[in-house]
C-alpha atoms as a PDB file:
ATOM      1  CA  MET A   1      69.535 -49.169  46.265  1.00  0.00           C
ATOM      2  CA  LYS A   2      67.594 -52.342  45.549  1.00  0.00           C
ATOM      3  CA  THR A   3      63.797 -52.345  45.219  1.00  0.00           C
ATOM      4  CA  GLN A   4      61.966 -55.124  47.047  1.00  0.00           C
ATOM      5  CA  ILE A   5      58.690 -56.552  45.865  1.00  0.00           C
ATOM      6  CA  LEU A   6      56.307 -57.643  48.586  1.00  0.00           C
ATOM      7  CA  PRO A   7      55.157 -61.272  48.543  1.00  0.00           C
ATOM      8  CA  SER A   8      51.598 -61.826  47.334  1.00  0.00           C
ATOM      9  CA  SER A   9      50.536 -63.057  50.800  1.00  0.00           C
ATOM     10  CA  VAL A  10      51.575 -59.720  52.333  1.00  0.00           C
ATOM     11  CA  LEU A  11      49.765 -57.787  49.622  1.00  0.00           C
ATOM     12  CA  SER A  12      46.664 -59.924  50.081  1.00  0.00           C
ATOM     13  CA  THR A  13      46.698 -59.333  53.850  1.00  0.00           C
ATOM     14  CA  LEU A  14      47.210 -55.616  53.360  1.00  0.00           C
ATOM     15  CA  PHE A  15      44.341 -55.447  50.868  1.00  0.00           C
ATOM     16  CA  THR A  16      42.071 -57.385  53.250  1.00  0.00           C
ATOM     17  CA  GLN A  17      42.879 -55.026  56.132  1.00  0.00           C
ATOM     18  CA  LEU A  18      42.278 -51.927  53.996  1.00  0.00           C
ATOM     19  CA  ASN A  19      38.977 -53.378  52.796  1.00  0.00           C
ATOM     20  CA  ARG A  20      37.888 -54.035  56.396  1.00  0.00           C
ATOM     21  CA  PHE A  21      38.838 -50.509  57.419  1.00  0.00           C
ATOM     22  CA  TRP A  22      36.902 -49.018  54.471  1.00  0.00           C
ATOM     23  CA  SER A  23      33.849 -51.143  55.373  1.00  0.00           C
ATOM     24  CA  PHE A  24      34.128 -49.923  58.961  1.00  0.00           C
ATOM     25  CA  LEU A  25      34.105 -46.286  57.824  1.00  0.00           C
ATOM     26  CA  ILE A  26      31.073 -46.863  55.606  1.00  0.00           C
ATOM     27  CA  ASP A  27      29.270 -48.665  58.428  1.00  0.00           C
ATOM     28  CA  MET A  28      29.987 -45.856  60.910  1.00  0.00           C
ATOM     29  CA  GLY A  29      28.646 -43.279  58.470  1.00  0.00           C
ATOM     30  CA  SER A  30      25.384 -45.132  58.038  1.00  0.00           C
ATOM     31  CA  ARG A  31      24.871 -45.632  61.781  1.00  0.00           C
ATOM     32  CA  TYR A  32      24.823 -41.928  62.538  1.00  0.00           C
ATOM     33  CA  PRO A  33      22.444 -40.301  60.063  1.00  0.00           C
ATOM     34  CA  ASP A  34      22.097 -37.108  62.117  1.00  0.00           C
ATOM     35  CA  VAL A  35      21.822 -33.793  60.379  1.00  0.00           C
ATOM     36  CA  ARG A  36      25.131 -31.929  60.466  1.00  0.00           C
ATOM     37  CA  VAL A  37      25.253 -28.170  60.915  1.00  0.00           C
ATOM     38  CA  TRP A  38      28.193 -25.782  60.861  1.00  0.00           C
ATOM     39  CA  GLN A  39      28.852 -22.076  60.534  1.00  0.00           C
ATOM     40  CA  ARG A  40      31.410 -20.335  58.358  1.00  0.00           C
ATOM     41  CA  ARG A  41      32.119 -16.736  57.479  1.00  0.00           C
ATOM     42  CA  ASP A  42      31.950 -15.448  53.931  1.00  0.00           C
ATOM     43  CA  ARG A  43      34.431 -12.975  52.402  1.00  0.00           C
ATOM     44  CA  ARG A  44      32.658 -10.041  54.012  1.00  0.00           C
ATOM     45  CA  GLY A  45      32.709 -11.684  57.437  1.00  0.00           C
ATOM     46  CA  ASP A  46      28.997 -12.490  57.491  1.00  0.00           C
ATOM     47  CA  ALA A  47      27.908 -15.754  59.098  1.00  0.00           C
ATOM     48  CA  VAL A  48      26.686 -18.469  56.740  1.00  0.00           C
ATOM     49  CA  TRP A  49      25.010 -21.546  58.188  1.00  0.00           C
ATOM     50  CA  HIS A  50      25.418 -24.855  56.370  1.00  0.00           C
ATOM     51  CA  GLY A  51      23.457 -28.051  56.861  1.00  0.00           C
ATOM     52  CA  TYR A  52      23.792 -31.574  55.516  1.00  0.00           C
ATOM     53  CA  ASP A  53      21.315 -34.445  55.862  1.00  0.00           C
ATOM     54  CA  PRO A  54      23.151 -37.739  55.154  1.00  0.00           C
ATOM     55  CA  THR A  55      19.902 -39.709  54.921  1.00  0.00           C
ATOM     56  CA  ASN A  56      19.020 -38.102  51.587  1.00  0.00           C
ATOM     57  CA  GLY A  57      22.123 -36.076  50.641  1.00  0.00           C
ATOM     58  CA  ASP A  58      20.485 -32.652  51.007  1.00  0.00           C
ATOM     59  CA  TYR A  59      22.927 -29.770  51.463  1.00  0.00           C
ATOM     60  CA  VAL A  60      21.706 -26.269  52.334  1.00  0.00           C
ATOM     61  CA  SER A  61      23.102 -22.838  53.183  1.00  0.00           C
ATOM     62  CA  PHE A  62      21.327 -20.048  55.061  1.00  0.00           C
ATOM     63  CA  GLY A  63      22.167 -16.571  56.229  1.00  0.00           C
ATOM     64  CA  THR A  64      20.611 -16.827  59.681  1.00  0.00           C
ATOM     65  CA  GLU A  65      20.495 -19.230  62.570  1.00  0.00           C
ATOM     66  CA  ASP A  66      16.688 -19.063  62.541  1.00  0.00           C
ATOM     67  CA  GLU A  67      16.622 -20.315  58.939  1.00  0.00           C
ATOM     68  CA  ILE A  68      18.867 -23.297  59.678  1.00  0.00           C
ATOM     69  CA  ARG A  69      16.810 -24.137  62.785  1.00  0.00           C
ATOM     70  CA  SER A  70      13.646 -24.049  60.713  1.00  0.00           C
ATOM     71  CA  TRP A  71      15.240 -26.406  58.165  1.00  0.00           C
ATOM     72  CA  ILE A  72      16.284 -28.817  60.951  1.00  0.00           C
ATOM     73  CA  GLU A  73      12.804 -28.783  62.468  1.00  0.00           C
ATOM     74  CA  GLN A  74      11.259 -29.419  59.059  1.00  0.00           C
ATOM     75  CA  ARG A  75      13.612 -32.399  58.485  1.00  0.00           C
ATOM     76  CA  TYR A  76      12.540 -34.039  61.734  1.00  0.00           C
ATOM     77  CA  TYR A  77       8.880 -33.132  61.325  1.00  0.00           C
ATOM     78  CA  THR A  78       8.820 -34.704  57.857  1.00  0.00           C
ATOM     79  CA  ARG A  79      10.744 -37.771  59.033  1.00  0.00           C
ATOM     80  CA  ASP A  80       8.348 -38.388  61.933  1.00  0.00           C
ATOM     81  CA  ARG A  81       5.337 -38.318  59.616  1.00  0.00           C
ATOM     82  CA  ASP A  82       6.766 -40.919  57.176  1.00  0.00           C
END
């Protein structure tokens, strides 16, 4: 079996396309800075609420839905006052 080496023009085009795709992903992430919230279960089966704020990189975990709601409200309250 013979190994083929791609011409530099093909590699350049491929690199350009990958770079554009990466830029697109970065751009999409910065356009939607909404707080993300999800729920998981720990080893005992208890609900754990997680939150992530992409605008500042904050990551939190809480044991109740009320706690995560309070965190969300505080994020928006603080943001509106800035």
